Amino acid sequence: MTSRVVLISPAMNQSLRQARFDDGGTLDADGRARASAVAGSLPPAARVVVSPGVRCRETAGALGLEGSEAAGLAGLDVGRWRGRTLDEVAVAEPEAVGRWLTDPSCAPHGGESVRDACARVGRWLDALRETDGRTLAVVEPDVVRAAVVHAVGLPASGFWRLDVAPLTATELSGRAGRWNLRLGRPLDVPGAGAGF
């Protein structure tokens, strides 16, 4: 039995463009258009799940996907930093940002630590390992990072070393108690790319 998980990062919005911690903003016109252009490029799936964030739900809709919302796949909770840019927070709380970026157990913003987010996403991923078929999951970039950290056994400190571009697919296949990884492939316009 092989479980396949395709993690799709959301299309572009103003928060992503400004390196702003997610503030619940909607997709911008370009992000929506790009997601709509690649609708139909994804393989059939036994399950579709979506992070509860607005940009993930809107990306799923633009891709023509209907799925259940998965609270366990919410983006990293950054507490009081929500809606602010990393630069703004770094000016206001330089020591806190420094600790947060170097210590995965630290959550100076009053939200969730990177280590806790990786464990939460890892539990979801482990539950899928014994599930046959493909799961499509439209999730925040930090959920993709956490899944990769867990799947390949990276230390939680590796979380910040993984970049996830908008509207890309990261594929995991699980069998025999382990995961294999295929990183960040751009979604293609149907009929124009190599496909899945």
C-alpha atoms as a PDB file:
ATOM      1  CA  MET A   1       0.000   0.000   0.000  1.00  0.00           C
ATOM      2  CA  THR A   2       1.301   3.448  -0.944  1.00  0.00           C
ATOM      3  CA  SER A   3      -0.017   6.733   0.366  1.00  0.00           C
ATOM      4  CA  ARG A   4       0.647   9.793  -1.768  1.00  0.00           C
ATOM      5  CA  VAL A   5       0.282  13.314  -0.424  1.00  0.00           C
ATOM      6  CA  VAL A   6       0.470  16.345  -2.712  1.00  0.00           C
ATOM      7  CA  LEU A   7       0.932  19.534  -0.680  1.00  0.00           C
ATOM      8  CA  ILE A   8      -0.101  22.567  -2.715  1.00  0.00           C
ATOM      9  CA  SER A   9       0.972  25.993  -1.504  1.00  0.00           C
ATOM     10  CA  PRO A  10      -1.512  28.860  -1.883  1.00  0.00           C
ATOM     11  CA  ALA A  11      -1.489  31.348  -4.726  1.00  0.00           C
ATOM     12  CA  MET A  12      -0.129  34.852  -4.198  1.00  0.00           C
ATOM     13  CA  ASN A  13      -1.793  37.490  -2.047  1.00  0.00           C
ATOM     14  CA  GLN A  14      -0.714  40.800  -0.535  1.00  0.00           C
ATOM     15  CA  SER A  15       0.536  39.207   2.698  1.00  0.00           C
ATOM     16  CA  LEU A  16       2.852  36.869   0.781  1.00  0.00           C
ATOM     17  CA  ARG A  17       4.065  39.731  -1.448  1.00  0.00           C
ATOM     18  CA  GLN A  18       4.902  41.854   1.595  1.00  0.00           C
ATOM     19  CA  ALA A  19       6.432  39.033   3.701  1.00  0.00           C
ATOM     20  CA  ARG A  20       3.620  39.668   6.176  1.00  0.00           C
ATOM     21  CA  PHE A  21       2.476  37.075   8.705  1.00  0.00           C
ATOM     22  CA  ASP A  22      -0.851  35.829   7.417  1.00  0.00           C
ATOM     23  CA  ASP A  23      -3.618  38.268   8.252  1.00  0.00           C
ATOM     24  CA  GLY A  24      -6.499  36.387   6.671  1.00  0.00           C
ATOM     25  CA  GLY A  25      -6.295  38.352   3.427  1.00  0.00           C
ATOM     26  CA  THR A  26      -7.796  37.132   0.178  1.00  0.00           C
ATOM     27  CA  LEU A  27      -5.926  36.187  -2.980  1.00  0.00           C
ATOM     28  CA  ASP A  28      -4.983  39.088  -5.197  1.00  0.00           C
ATOM     29  CA  ALA A  29      -6.155  39.215  -8.834  1.00  0.00           C
ATOM     30  CA  ASP A  30      -2.891  37.781 -10.179  1.00  0.00           C
ATOM     31  CA  GLY A  31      -2.892  34.929  -7.665  1.00  0.00           C
ATOM     32  CA  ARG A  32      -6.487  34.048  -8.439  1.00  0.00           C
ATOM     33  CA  ALA A  33      -5.820  34.159 -12.206  1.00  0.00           C
ATOM     34  CA  ARG A  34      -2.738  31.939 -11.927  1.00  0.00           C
ATOM     35  CA  ALA A  35      -4.566  29.385  -9.797  1.00  0.00           C
ATOM     36  CA  SER A  36      -7.514  29.353 -12.207  1.00  0.00           C
ATOM     37  CA  ALA A  37      -5.132  28.881 -15.154  1.00  0.00           C
ATOM     38  CA  VAL A  38      -3.751  25.655 -13.686  1.00  0.00           C
ATOM     39  CA  ALA A  39      -7.107  24.246 -12.581  1.00  0.00           C
ATOM     40  CA  GLY A  40      -7.366  20.740 -13.930  1.00  0.00           C
ATOM     41  CA  SER A  41      -3.619  20.099 -13.773  1.00  0.00           C
ATOM     42  CA  LEU A  42      -3.767  18.073 -10.576  1.00  0.00           C
ATOM     43  CA  PRO A  43      -4.132  14.309 -10.511  1.00  0.00           C
ATOM     44  CA  PRO A  44      -7.299  12.662  -9.246  1.00  0.00           C
ATOM     45  CA  ALA A  45      -7.344  12.158  -5.496  1.00  0.00           C
ATOM     46  CA  ALA A  46      -9.101   9.973  -2.973  1.00  0.00           C
ATOM     47  CA  ARG A  47      -9.172  12.914  -0.548  1.00  0.00           C
ATOM     48  CA  VAL A  48      -8.875  16.706  -0.671  1.00  0.00           C
ATOM     49  CA  VAL A  49      -8.147  18.706   2.478  1.00  0.00           C
ATOM     50  CA  VAL A  50      -7.614  22.426   2.919  1.00  0.00           C
ATOM     51  CA  SER A  51      -5.974  24.569   5.583  1.00  0.00           C
ATOM     52  CA  PRO A  52      -8.553  26.807   7.270  1.00  0.00           C
ATOM     53  CA  GLY A  53      -6.867  30.025   6.078  1.00  0.00           C
ATOM     54  CA  VAL A  54      -8.661  32.258   3.559  1.00  0.00           C
ATOM     55  CA  ARG A  55      -5.914  32.125   0.926  1.00  0.00           C
ATOM     56  CA  CYS A  56      -5.850  28.306   1.039  1.00  0.00           C
ATOM     57  CA  ARG A  57      -9.621  28.008   0.744  1.00  0.00           C
ATOM     58  CA  GLU A  58      -9.642  30.502  -2.148  1.00  0.00           C
ATOM     59  CA  THR A  59      -6.751  28.720  -3.884  1.00  0.00           C
ATOM     60  CA  ALA A  60      -8.572  25.400  -3.599  1.00  0.00           C
ATOM     61  CA  GLY A  61     -11.671  27.000  -5.093  1.00  0.00           C
ATOM     62  CA  ALA A  62      -9.724  28.552  -7.969  1.00  0.00           C
ATOM     63  CA  LEU A  63      -8.132  25.151  -8.651  1.00  0.00           C
ATOM     64  CA  GLY A  64     -11.597  23.604  -8.812  1.00  0.00           C
ATOM     65  CA  LEU A  65     -11.039  21.531  -5.660  1.00  0.00           C
ATOM     66  CA  GLU A  66     -13.679  20.834  -3.063  1.00  0.00           C
ATOM     67  CA  GLY A  67     -12.308  19.484   0.159  1.00  0.00           C
ATOM     68  CA  SER A  68     -12.806  19.333   3.863  1.00  0.00           C
ATOM     69  CA  GLU A  69     -11.207  21.920   6.094  1.00  0.00           C
ATOM     70  CA  ALA A  70      -8.485  20.451   8.289  1.00  0.00           C
ATOM     71  CA  ALA A  71      -7.934  22.477  11.467  1.00  0.00           C
ATOM     72  CA  GLY A  72      -4.775  20.442  12.167  1.00  0.00           C
ATOM     73  CA  LEU A  73      -3.274  21.881   8.992  1.00  0.00           C
ATOM     74  CA  ALA A  74      -3.610  25.509  10.064  1.00  0.00           C
ATOM     75  CA  GLY A  75      -0.603  27.711   9.485  1.00  0.00           C
ATOM     76  CA  LEU A  76       1.880  28.399  12.271  1.00  0.00           C
ATOM     77  CA  ASP A  77       0.171  30.480  14.984  1.00  0.00           C
ATOM     78  CA  VAL A  78       2.315  33.596  15.359  1.00  0.00           C
ATOM     79  CA  GLY A  79       0.195  35.132  18.096  1.00  0.00           C
ATOM     80  CA  ARG A  80       0.479  38.907  18.377  1.00  0.00           C
ATOM     81  CA  TRP A  81       2.693  39.111  15.268  1.00  0.00           C
ATOM     82  CA  ARG A  82      -0.205  38.198  12.980  1.00  0.00           C
ATOM     83  CA  GLY A  83      -0.643  40.758  10.196  1.00  0.00           C
ATOM     84  CA  ARG A  84       2.764  42.385  10.729  1.00  0.00           C
ATOM     85  CA  THR A  85       5.817  42.059   8.509  1.00  0.00           C
ATOM     86  CA  LEU A  86       8.901  40.288   9.779  1.00  0.00           C
ATOM     87  CA  ASP A  87      10.813  43.580   9.363  1.00  0.00           C
ATOM     88  CA  GLU A  88       8.282  45.430  11.548  1.00  0.00           C
ATOM     89  CA  VAL A  89       8.526  42.804  14.253  1.00  0.00           C
ATOM     90  CA  ALA A  90      12.327  42.705  14.026  1.00  0.00           C
ATOM     91  CA  VAL A  91      12.501  46.456  14.676  1.00  0.00           C
ATOM     92  CA  ALA A  92      10.030  46.290  17.585  1.00  0.00           C
ATOM     93  CA  GLU A  93      11.260  43.020  19.144  1.00  0.00           C
ATOM     94  CA  PRO A  94      14.731  42.187  17.775  1.00  0.00           C
ATOM     95  CA  GLU A  95      15.706  39.790  20.571  1.00  0.00           C
ATOM     96  CA  ALA A  96      12.402  37.910  20.341  1.00  0.00           C
ATOM     97  CA  VAL A  97      12.726  37.509  16.571  1.00  0.00           C
ATOM     98  CA  GLY A  98      16.318  36.335  16.962  1.00  0.00           C
ATOM     99  CA  ARG A  99      15.283  33.679  19.483  1.00  0.00           C
ATOM    100  CA  TRP A 100      12.316  32.594  17.348  1.00  0.00           C
ATOM    101  CA  LEU A 101      14.455  32.134  14.228  1.00  0.00           C
ATOM    102  CA  THR A 102      17.150  30.138  16.046  1.00  0.00           C
ATOM    103  CA  ASP A 103      15.299  28.164  18.713  1.00  0.00           C
ATOM    104  CA  PRO A 104      12.492  25.971  17.324  1.00  0.00           C
ATOM    105  CA  SER A 105      11.031  25.555  20.834  1.00  0.00           C
ATOM    106  CA  CYS A 106      10.611  29.303  21.306  1.00  0.00           C
ATOM    107  CA  ALA A 107       7.294  31.151  20.810  1.00  0.00           C
ATOM    108  CA  PRO A 108       7.894  34.732  21.993  1.00  0.00           C
ATOM    109  CA  HIS A 109       4.830  35.955  20.072  1.00  0.00           C
ATOM    110  CA  GLY A 110       2.504  34.025  22.349  1.00  0.00           C
ATOM    111  CA  GLY A 111       1.517  31.572  19.629  1.00  0.00           C
ATOM    112  CA  GLU A 112       2.935  28.213  18.634  1.00  0.00           C
ATOM    113  CA  SER A 113       6.576  27.158  18.446  1.00  0.00           C
ATOM    114  CA  VAL A 114       8.021  25.763  15.216  1.00  0.00           C
ATOM    115  CA  ARG A 115       8.692  22.470  17.028  1.00  0.00           C
ATOM    116  CA  ASP A 116       5.040  22.216  18.070  1.00  0.00           C
ATOM    117  CA  ALA A 117       3.839  23.045  14.545  1.00  0.00           C
ATOM    118  CA  CYS A 118       6.123  20.359  13.089  1.00  0.00           C
ATOM    119  CA  ALA A 119       4.798  17.813  15.595  1.00  0.00           C
ATOM    120  CA  ARG A 120       1.175  18.737  14.837  1.00  0.00           C
ATOM    121  CA  VAL A 121       1.630  18.405  11.072  1.00  0.00           C
ATOM    122  CA  GLY A 122       3.696  15.247  11.609  1.00  0.00           C
ATOM    123  CA  ARG A 123       0.808  13.596  13.461  1.00  0.00           C
ATOM    124  CA  TRP A 124      -1.506  14.340  10.528  1.00  0.00           C
ATOM    125  CA  LEU A 125       1.044  12.986   8.060  1.00  0.00           C
ATOM    126  CA  ASP A 126       1.667   9.826  10.089  1.00  0.00           C
ATOM    127  CA  ALA A 127      -2.067   9.117  10.160  1.00  0.00           C
ATOM    128  CA  LEU A 128      -2.049   9.189   6.335  1.00  0.00           C
ATOM    129  CA  ARG A 129       0.889   6.805   5.957  1.00  0.00           C
ATOM    130  CA  GLU A 130      -1.415   3.804   6.317  1.00  0.00           C
ATOM    131  CA  THR A 131      -4.022   5.263   3.959  1.00  0.00           C
ATOM    132  CA  ASP A 132      -4.000   4.050   0.385  1.00  0.00           C
ATOM    133  CA  GLY A 133      -4.440   6.518  -2.459  1.00  0.00           C
ATOM    134  CA  ARG A 134      -3.661  10.165  -3.084  1.00  0.00           C
ATOM    135  CA  THR A 135      -4.446  13.101  -0.811  1.00  0.00           C
ATOM    136  CA  LEU A 136      -4.381  16.639  -2.205  1.00  0.00           C
ATOM    137  CA  ALA A 137      -3.841  19.230   0.519  1.00  0.00           C
ATOM    138  CA  VAL A 138      -3.911  22.985  -0.129  1.00  0.00           C
ATOM    139  CA  VAL A 139      -1.896  24.266   2.819  1.00  0.00           C
ATOM    140  CA  GLU A 140       0.113  27.220   4.050  1.00  0.00           C
ATOM    141  CA  PRO A 141       3.831  27.313   3.157  1.00  0.00           C
ATOM    142  CA  ASP A 142       4.781  26.713   6.795  1.00  0.00           C
ATOM    143  CA  VAL A 143       2.659  23.538   6.803  1.00  0.00           C
ATOM    144  CA  VAL A 144       4.616  22.334   3.751  1.00  0.00           C
ATOM    145  CA  ARG A 145       7.860  23.080   5.620  1.00  0.00           C
ATOM    146  CA  ALA A 146       6.674  21.243   8.729  1.00  0.00           C
ATOM    147  CA  ALA A 147       5.598  18.214   6.664  1.00  0.00           C
ATOM    148  CA  VAL A 148       8.976  18.035   4.930  1.00  0.00           C
ATOM    149  CA  VAL A 149      10.852  18.386   8.236  1.00  0.00           C
ATOM    150  CA  HIS A 150       8.838  15.501   9.645  1.00  0.00           C
ATOM    151  CA  ALA A 151       8.836  13.298   6.535  1.00  0.00           C
ATOM    152  CA  VAL A 152      12.587  13.265   6.033  1.00  0.00           C
ATOM    153  CA  GLY A 153      13.550  13.443   9.714  1.00  0.00           C
ATOM    154  CA  LEU A 154      15.160  16.873   9.672  1.00  0.00           C
ATOM    155  CA  PRO A 155      15.744  18.647  12.959  1.00  0.00           C
ATOM    156  CA  ALA A 156      13.107  21.326  13.607  1.00  0.00           C
ATOM    157  CA  SER A 157      15.849  23.933  13.086  1.00  0.00           C
ATOM    158  CA  GLY A 158      15.767  22.984   9.382  1.00  0.00           C
ATOM    159  CA  PHE A 159      12.254  24.510   9.104  1.00  0.00           C
ATOM    160  CA  TRP A 160      13.615  27.979   8.226  1.00  0.00           C
ATOM    161  CA  ARG A 161      15.964  26.585   5.575  1.00  0.00           C
ATOM    162  CA  LEU A 162      13.103  25.428   3.341  1.00  0.00           C
ATOM    163  CA  ASP A 163      11.571  27.875   0.862  1.00  0.00           C
ATOM    164  CA  VAL A 164       8.111  27.171  -0.522  1.00  0.00           C
ATOM    165  CA  ALA A 165       7.105  29.136  -3.604  1.00  0.00           C
ATOM    166  CA  PRO A 166       3.455  30.042  -4.179  1.00  0.00           C
ATOM    167  CA  LEU A 167       1.318  27.631  -6.183  1.00  0.00           C
ATOM    168  CA  THR A 168       3.757  24.724  -6.150  1.00  0.00           C
ATOM    169  CA  ALA A 169       3.271  21.055  -5.350  1.00  0.00           C
ATOM    170  CA  THR A 170       5.456  19.131  -2.934  1.00  0.00           C
ATOM    171  CA  GLU A 171       4.854  15.395  -3.127  1.00  0.00           C
ATOM    172  CA  LEU A 172       5.329  12.773  -0.453  1.00  0.00           C
ATOM    173  CA  SER A 173       4.869   9.069  -0.966  1.00  0.00           C
ATOM    174  CA  GLY A 174       4.745   6.796   2.047  1.00  0.00           C
ATOM    175  CA  ARG A 175       5.401   3.098   2.138  1.00  0.00           C
ATOM    176  CA  ALA A 176       7.175   0.655   4.427  1.00  0.00           C
ATOM    177  CA  GLY A 177       7.197   3.113   7.341  1.00  0.00           C
ATOM    178  CA  ARG A 178       8.944   5.988   5.568  1.00  0.00           C
ATOM    179  CA  TRP A 179       8.258   8.913   3.280  1.00  0.00           C
ATOM    180  CA  ASN A 180       9.939   9.849   0.009  1.00  0.00           C
ATOM    181  CA  LEU A 181       9.965  13.467  -1.107  1.00  0.00           C
ATOM    182  CA  ARG A 182       9.582  15.313  -4.402  1.00  0.00           C
ATOM    183  CA  LEU A 183       9.986  19.055  -3.851  1.00  0.00           C
ATOM    184  CA  GLY A 184       8.114  22.130  -5.065  1.00  0.00           C
ATOM    185  CA  ARG A 185       7.100  21.475  -8.633  1.00  0.00           C
ATOM    186  CA  PRO A 186       5.205  24.385 -10.216  1.00  0.00           C
ATOM    187  CA  LEU A 187       1.651  23.593 -11.214  1.00  0.00           C
ATOM    188  CA  ASP A 188       1.325  23.595 -15.010  1.00  0.00           C
ATOM    189  CA  VAL A 189      -1.384  24.812 -17.305  1.00  0.00           C
ATOM    190  CA  PRO A 190      -3.303  21.653 -18.269  1.00  0.00           C
ATOM    191  CA  GLY A 191      -1.773  19.967 -21.326  1.00  0.00           C
ATOM    192  CA  ALA A 192       1.393  22.097 -21.211  1.00  0.00           C
ATOM    193  CA  GLY A 193       3.602  20.356 -18.650  1.00  0.00           C
ATOM    194  CA  ALA A 194       4.990  17.059 -17.560  1.00  0.00           C
ATOM    195  CA  GLY A 195       2.167  16.499 -15.065  1.00  0.00           C
ATOM    196  CA  PHE A 196       2.163  14.272 -12.020  1.00  0.00           C
END
